[in-house]
Amino acid sequence: MPLPRTSAVAALLAGALLAAVTGCAAQEPASGTGPSASGGSADCSPGALPTRTAGTLAVGTDKPAYEPWFSEDRPENGKGFESAVAYAVAAKLGYPKEKVSWVVAPFGRATAPGPKDFDFDINQVSISTERRQAVDFSSGYYDVRQAVIALKSSKAASARSLADLKGVRLGAQVGTTSLEAITGTLRPSAPPAVFDSNDLAKAALRNGQVEALVVDLPTAFYITGAEVTEAVVVGQLTGAGGGGEQFGLVLDKGSRLTGCVSAAVDALRADGTLGRLEQEWLSDAVSAPVLR
């Protein structure tokens, strides 16, 4: 992606920051999902932010980096929705692809208190009040819903309502809003199975340890289409724990970069870039039945 002219980037970021202050941004974040208060604002001069290493932007994500968010477990290749978003944000901040480095940041560690070894992290992290106690978030870059997947041979595959899933053995990855959706929305009669990773959760689904999994909707379509093809998307969730959810970029608590990164995300939403990237990389995540 070519680096925009310095004056153009500065003007765009300044405009996005002004819109955030005046409340006139093209799309306001959902309530409670804007950037956290930071310890001080940085000068958003392109390519000159107070990053961990001067002149370089360090981006964190987990390993393995899953489809459709990344491709080939290589975040640096620019393929997959989140890889593309990370490079688009970097470009808005004045860092071309060759000035972006990637670091491994396990999901739980990225959202835990304490200093980070990245400038921002991108890893399907949902913005929440609880997580805000430990980290800063950018504006939301993706609006997401949770979904239920089950083996086609399972009774859970025929569920058409939340009530139909009450007696189903459900599972999700630890520390995720998918797990929160089980306890807060689905409320099954038995405690959910909790897994350290989606790979372990998928293995449990295959071997019958659980009857259904809860994951975000794009991941649900990828799992059923490419990884566990004997499974099906049962439906998507709405309401508390299932709707109004956004993914945000994670930063150190009180980071001086938070305002600049949020301004870049807001600008990408306003100019249509986020929508185009979503259509390019997540177009398979089409509508699914809503479970009520």
Protein backbone atom coordinates (compact mmCIF):
# COMPACT_ATOMS: atom_id res chain seq x y z
CA MET A 1 0.00 0.00 0.00
CA PRO A 2 1.66 3.34 -1.03
CA LEU A 3 2.33 5.87 1.71
CA PRO A 4 0.02 8.93 1.47
CA ARG A 5 1.58 12.39 1.29
CA THR A 6 2.43 13.76 4.73
CA SER A 7 0.17 16.79 4.46
CA ALA A 8 -2.79 14.68 3.41
CA VAL A 9 -2.37 12.26 6.30
CA ALA A 10 -1.97 15.07 8.84
CA ALA A 11 -5.12 16.78 7.57
CA LEU A 12 -7.11 13.55 7.60
CA LEU A 13 -6.08 12.67 11.16
CA ALA A 14 -6.73 16.20 12.36
CA GLY A 15 -10.19 16.11 10.80
CA ALA A 16 -10.99 12.76 12.39
CA LEU A 17 -9.84 13.98 15.81
CA LEU A 18 -11.90 17.16 15.48
CA ALA A 19 -14.96 15.10 14.54
CA ALA A 20 -14.47 12.93 17.61
CA VAL A 21 -14.32 16.02 19.83
CA THR A 22 -17.33 17.75 18.33
CA GLY A 23 -19.45 14.61 18.05
CA CYS A 24 -19.80 14.93 14.29
CA ALA A 25 -18.01 11.76 13.22
CA ALA A 26 -19.64 9.86 10.36
CA GLN A 27 -20.43 6.94 12.67
CA GLU A 28 -20.23 7.21 16.43
CA PRO A 29 -19.05 4.10 18.29
CA ALA A 30 -21.72 2.15 20.13
CA SER A 31 -22.28 3.28 23.72
CA GLY A 32 -19.31 2.35 25.87
CA THR A 33 -17.09 1.34 22.95
CA GLY A 34 -15.06 4.48 22.30
CA PRO A 35 -11.41 4.89 23.25
CA SER A 36 -10.43 4.78 26.91
CA ALA A 37 -9.15 7.88 28.61
CA SER A 38 -5.42 7.92 28.08
CA GLY A 39 -2.54 9.27 30.11
CA GLY A 40 -1.79 11.99 27.58
CA SER A 41 -2.24 12.76 23.90
CA ALA A 42 0.53 12.30 21.38
CA ASP A 43 1.21 14.53 18.42
CA CYS A 44 -0.25 12.53 15.53
CA SER A 45 2.39 13.64 13.04
CA PRO A 46 2.63 10.89 10.41
CA GLY A 47 5.36 8.38 11.13
CA ALA A 48 6.57 10.24 14.22
CA LEU A 49 4.44 8.79 17.02
CA PRO A 50 6.01 7.82 20.37
CA THR A 51 6.07 4.13 19.46
CA ARG A 52 8.09 1.49 21.32
CA THR A 53 10.78 1.73 18.65
CA ALA A 54 11.14 5.09 16.92
CA GLY A 55 10.07 4.98 13.27
CA THR A 56 8.46 1.51 13.57
CA LEU A 57 4.95 0.43 14.51
CA ALA A 58 4.75 -2.87 16.45
CA VAL A 59 1.47 -4.77 16.01
CA GLY A 60 0.57 -7.73 18.19
CA THR A 61 -1.66 -10.74 17.55
CA ASP A 62 -2.00 -14.33 18.74
CA LYS A 63 -0.44 -17.44 17.21
CA PRO A 64 -1.84 -19.29 15.42
CA ALA A 65 -3.51 -16.41 13.60
CA TYR A 66 -6.82 -17.81 12.39
CA GLU A 67 -8.73 -17.44 9.13
CA PRO A 68 -10.59 -15.39 7.99
CA TRP A 69 -8.93 -12.73 10.13
CA PHE A 70 -5.48 -13.68 8.83
CA SER A 71 -4.22 -15.98 6.12
CA GLU A 72 -1.72 -18.85 6.20
CA ASP A 73 -0.93 -18.00 9.86
CA ARG A 74 1.18 -15.11 8.53
CA PRO A 75 -0.10 -11.75 9.83
CA GLU A 76 2.67 -9.94 7.96
CA ASN A 77 1.35 -10.90 4.50
CA GLY A 78 -1.50 -8.35 4.52
CA LYS A 79 -4.12 -11.03 3.77
CA GLY A 80 -7.20 -11.58 5.91
CA PHE A 81 -9.45 -8.92 7.40
CA GLU A 82 -7.43 -8.04 10.49
CA SER A 83 -4.07 -8.06 8.76
CA ALA A 84 -5.49 -5.71 6.12
CA VAL A 85 -7.04 -3.46 8.80
CA ALA A 86 -3.75 -3.31 10.72
CA TYR A 87 -1.85 -2.17 7.64
CA ALA A 88 -4.58 0.34 6.76
CA VAL A 89 -4.40 1.84 10.25
CA ALA A 90 -0.61 1.90 10.04
CA ALA A 91 -0.76 3.74 6.71
CA LYS A 92 -3.11 6.36 8.17
CA LEU A 93 -0.60 6.86 10.99
CA GLY A 94 2.22 7.30 8.49
CA TYR A 95 3.85 3.86 8.69
CA PRO A 96 4.17 1.98 5.38
CA LYS A 97 4.20 -1.82 5.37
CA GLU A 98 7.99 -2.03 5.66
CA LYS A 99 7.81 0.01 8.90
CA VAL A 100 5.35 -2.39 10.56
CA SER A 101 6.62 -5.27 12.70
CA TRP A 102 4.54 -8.10 14.18
CA VAL A 103 4.91 -9.61 17.65
CA VAL A 104 3.19 -12.67 19.14
CA ALA A 105 0.72 -11.60 21.83
CA PRO A 106 -1.44 -14.41 23.30
CA PHE A 107 -5.07 -13.35 23.72
CA GLY A 108 -5.12 -13.47 27.52
CA ARG A 109 -1.82 -11.65 27.89
CA ALA A 110 -2.78 -8.88 25.48
CA THR A 111 -5.79 -7.89 27.59
CA ALA A 112 -4.14 -8.39 31.01
CA PRO A 113 -2.82 -5.49 33.13
CA GLY A 114 0.77 -4.43 32.66
CA PRO A 115 3.06 -3.05 29.95
CA LYS A 116 2.85 -4.54 26.47
CA ASP A 117 5.48 -5.31 23.85
CA PHE A 118 3.28 -3.94 21.04
CA ASP A 119 1.99 -0.49 20.10
CA PHE A 120 -1.45 -1.93 19.39
CA ASP A 121 -2.89 -5.44 19.25
CA ILE A 122 -5.47 -6.76 16.79
CA ASN A 123 -6.97 -10.13 17.68
CA GLN A 124 -10.79 -10.10 17.67
CA VAL A 125 -10.83 -8.48 21.10
CA SER A 126 -14.30 -7.23 22.02
CA ILE A 127 -14.48 -3.88 23.76
CA SER A 128 -15.86 -4.26 27.28
CA THR A 129 -16.06 -2.28 30.49
CA GLU A 130 -14.20 -5.00 32.36
CA ARG A 131 -11.30 -5.04 29.92
CA ARG A 132 -11.10 -1.25 30.00
CA GLN A 133 -9.88 -1.54 33.57
CA ALA A 134 -6.64 -3.05 32.27
CA VAL A 135 -6.13 -1.70 28.73
CA ASP A 136 -7.10 1.07 26.33
CA PHE A 137 -9.22 0.44 23.24
CA SER A 138 -9.44 2.24 19.93
CA SER A 139 -12.77 2.97 18.33
CA GLY A 140 -14.44 -0.21 17.11
CA TYR A 141 -13.27 -1.47 13.72
CA TYR A 142 -15.79 -4.31 13.33
CA ASP A 143 -19.37 -4.89 14.49
CA VAL A 144 -19.80 -8.54 15.35
CA ARG A 145 -22.33 -11.08 16.56
CA GLN A 146 -21.82 -14.44 18.17
CA ALA A 147 -22.98 -17.66 16.53
CA VAL A 148 -23.61 -21.29 17.44
CA ILE A 149 -22.15 -24.17 15.40
CA ALA A 150 -22.90 -27.87 15.81
CA LEU A 151 -22.25 -31.14 14.02
CA LYS A 152 -24.90 -31.84 11.40
CA SER A 153 -25.65 -35.14 13.11
CA SER A 154 -26.27 -33.48 16.49
CA LYS A 155 -29.67 -32.60 17.90
CA ALA A 156 -28.27 -29.09 18.41
CA ALA A 157 -28.13 -28.63 14.63
CA SER A 158 -31.91 -28.47 14.49
CA ALA A 159 -32.23 -25.80 17.19
CA ARG A 160 -34.36 -22.84 16.15
CA SER A 161 -34.53 -20.94 19.46
CA LEU A 162 -32.55 -20.27 22.62
CA ALA A 163 -34.85 -22.68 24.46
CA ASP A 164 -33.84 -25.47 22.07
CA LEU A 165 -30.24 -25.13 23.29
CA LYS A 166 -30.94 -25.26 27.04
CA GLY A 167 -29.99 -28.92 27.37
CA VAL A 168 -27.09 -28.82 24.90
CA ARG A 169 -23.48 -29.24 26.04
CA LEU A 170 -21.88 -25.95 24.89
CA GLY A 171 -18.27 -24.82 24.75
CA ALA A 172 -16.16 -21.73 23.99
CA GLN A 173 -12.65 -20.35 24.31
CA VAL A 174 -11.67 -18.99 27.72
CA GLY A 175 -11.77 -15.23 28.26
CA THR A 176 -13.93 -14.51 25.21
CA THR A 177 -17.29 -12.84 24.69
CA SER A 178 -18.32 -16.14 23.11
CA LEU A 179 -18.12 -17.65 26.58
CA GLU A 180 -19.99 -14.64 27.99
CA ALA A 181 -22.73 -15.22 25.40
CA ILE A 182 -23.20 -18.75 26.71
CA THR A 183 -23.51 -17.70 30.33
CA GLY A 184 -25.38 -14.45 29.68
CA THR A 185 -27.68 -15.25 26.74
CA LEU A 186 -27.94 -19.00 26.18
CA ARG A 187 -27.82 -19.98 29.87
CA PRO A 188 -27.68 -23.75 29.36
CA SER A 189 -28.71 -26.14 32.10
CA ALA A 190 -25.12 -27.45 32.42
CA PRO A 191 -21.94 -25.35 32.84
CA PRO A 192 -20.14 -24.73 29.53
CA ALA A 193 -16.88 -26.43 28.62
CA VAL A 194 -14.03 -23.91 28.51
CA PHE A 195 -11.01 -24.31 26.22
CA ASP A 196 -7.64 -22.57 26.04
CA SER A 197 -7.92 -22.16 22.26
CA ASN A 198 -10.37 -22.54 19.39
CA ASP A 199 -8.28 -25.46 18.10
CA LEU A 200 -9.00 -27.39 21.31
CA ALA A 201 -12.66 -26.38 21.13
CA LYS A 202 -12.96 -27.66 17.56
CA ALA A 203 -11.34 -30.95 18.55
CA ALA A 204 -13.86 -31.28 21.39
CA LEU A 205 -16.71 -30.72 18.96
CA ARG A 206 -15.41 -33.40 16.61
CA ASN A 207 -14.96 -36.02 19.36
CA GLY A 208 -18.31 -35.35 21.02
CA GLN A 209 -17.00 -33.74 24.18
CA VAL A 210 -19.38 -30.85 23.42
CA GLU A 211 -22.42 -30.72 21.19
CA ALA A 212 -22.05 -27.11 20.03
CA LEU A 213 -19.58 -24.23 20.12
CA VAL A 214 -20.10 -20.48 20.31
CA VAL A 215 -17.74 -18.33 18.20
CA ASP A 216 -18.06 -15.05 16.33
CA LEU A 217 -20.09 -15.24 13.12
CA PRO A 218 -17.28 -14.95 10.51
CA THR A 219 -15.26 -17.60 12.35
CA ALA A 220 -18.35 -19.81 12.46
CA PHE A 221 -18.68 -19.69 8.68
CA TYR A 222 -14.98 -20.38 8.21
CA ILE A 223 -14.95 -23.34 10.63
CA THR A 224 -17.99 -24.97 9.02
CA GLY A 225 -16.83 -24.23 5.49
CA ALA A 226 -13.17 -25.18 5.70
CA GLU A 227 -12.18 -26.85 8.96
CA VAL A 228 -15.05 -28.89 10.41
CA THR A 229 -17.13 -29.42 7.31
CA GLU A 230 -19.37 -31.91 9.10
CA ALA A 231 -20.63 -28.96 11.19
CA VAL A 232 -23.22 -26.30 10.41
CA VAL A 233 -23.97 -22.76 11.56
CA VAL A 234 -27.08 -23.17 13.73
CA GLY A 235 -27.77 -19.47 14.10
CA GLN A 236 -26.62 -16.12 15.45
CA LEU A 237 -27.34 -14.41 18.75
CA THR A 238 -28.70 -10.96 19.50
CA GLY A 239 -29.22 -8.99 22.69
CA ALA A 240 -27.01 -8.99 25.77
CA GLY A 241 -23.91 -11.04 25.14
CA GLY A 242 -24.80 -11.55 21.49
CA GLY A 243 -25.26 -8.17 19.79
CA GLY A 244 -24.01 -4.60 19.85
CA GLU A 245 -20.47 -5.92 20.13
CA GLN A 246 -17.40 -4.35 18.54
CA PHE A 247 -13.80 -5.42 18.11
CA GLY A 248 -11.25 -2.75 19.04
CA LEU A 249 -7.49 -2.38 18.82
CA VAL A 250 -5.85 -2.94 22.22
CA LEU A 251 -3.27 -0.51 23.63
CA ASP A 252 -1.48 -0.04 26.94
CA LYS A 253 -3.64 1.48 29.62
CA GLY A 254 -3.13 5.25 29.38
CA SER A 255 -1.26 4.96 26.06
CA ARG A 256 -0.41 8.25 24.39
CA LEU A 257 -1.23 6.57 21.07
CA THR A 258 -4.89 5.81 21.83
CA GLY A 259 -6.30 9.06 20.41
CA CYS A 260 -4.22 8.85 17.24
CA VAL A 261 -5.09 5.20 16.62
CA SER A 262 -8.80 5.87 17.21
CA ALA A 263 -8.67 8.80 14.80
CA ALA A 264 -7.14 6.51 12.16
CA VAL A 265 -9.87 3.89 12.69
CA ASP A 266 -12.59 6.56 12.53
CA ALA A 267 -11.13 7.89 9.27
CA LEU A 268 -11.07 4.39 7.76
CA ARG A 269 -14.71 3.90 8.70
CA ALA A 270 -15.70 7.30 7.32
CA ASP A 271 -13.96 6.87 3.96
CA GLY A 272 -15.41 3.38 3.44
CA THR A 273 -12.16 1.45 3.79
CA LEU A 274 -13.40 -0.74 6.66
CA GLY A 275 -16.54 -1.59 4.72
CA ARG A 276 -14.54 -2.53 1.63
CA LEU A 277 -12.14 -4.71 3.61
CA GLU A 278 -15.05 -6.42 5.35
CA GLN A 279 -16.65 -7.17 1.98
CA GLU A 280 -13.35 -8.48 0.60
CA TRP A 281 -12.36 -10.75 3.45
CA LEU A 282 -15.57 -11.55 5.35
CA SER A 283 -18.14 -11.77 2.57
CA ASP A 284 -18.79 -15.44 3.34
CA ALA A 285 -20.16 -14.45 6.74
CA VAL A 286 -23.61 -13.81 5.32
CA SER A 287 -26.84 -13.79 7.28
CA ALA A 288 -27.63 -16.69 9.57
CA PRO A 289 -30.91 -17.48 11.35
CA VAL A 290 -31.40 -15.45 14.52
CA LEU A 291 -31.93 -17.52 17.66
CA ARG A 292 -34.43 -15.90 20.03
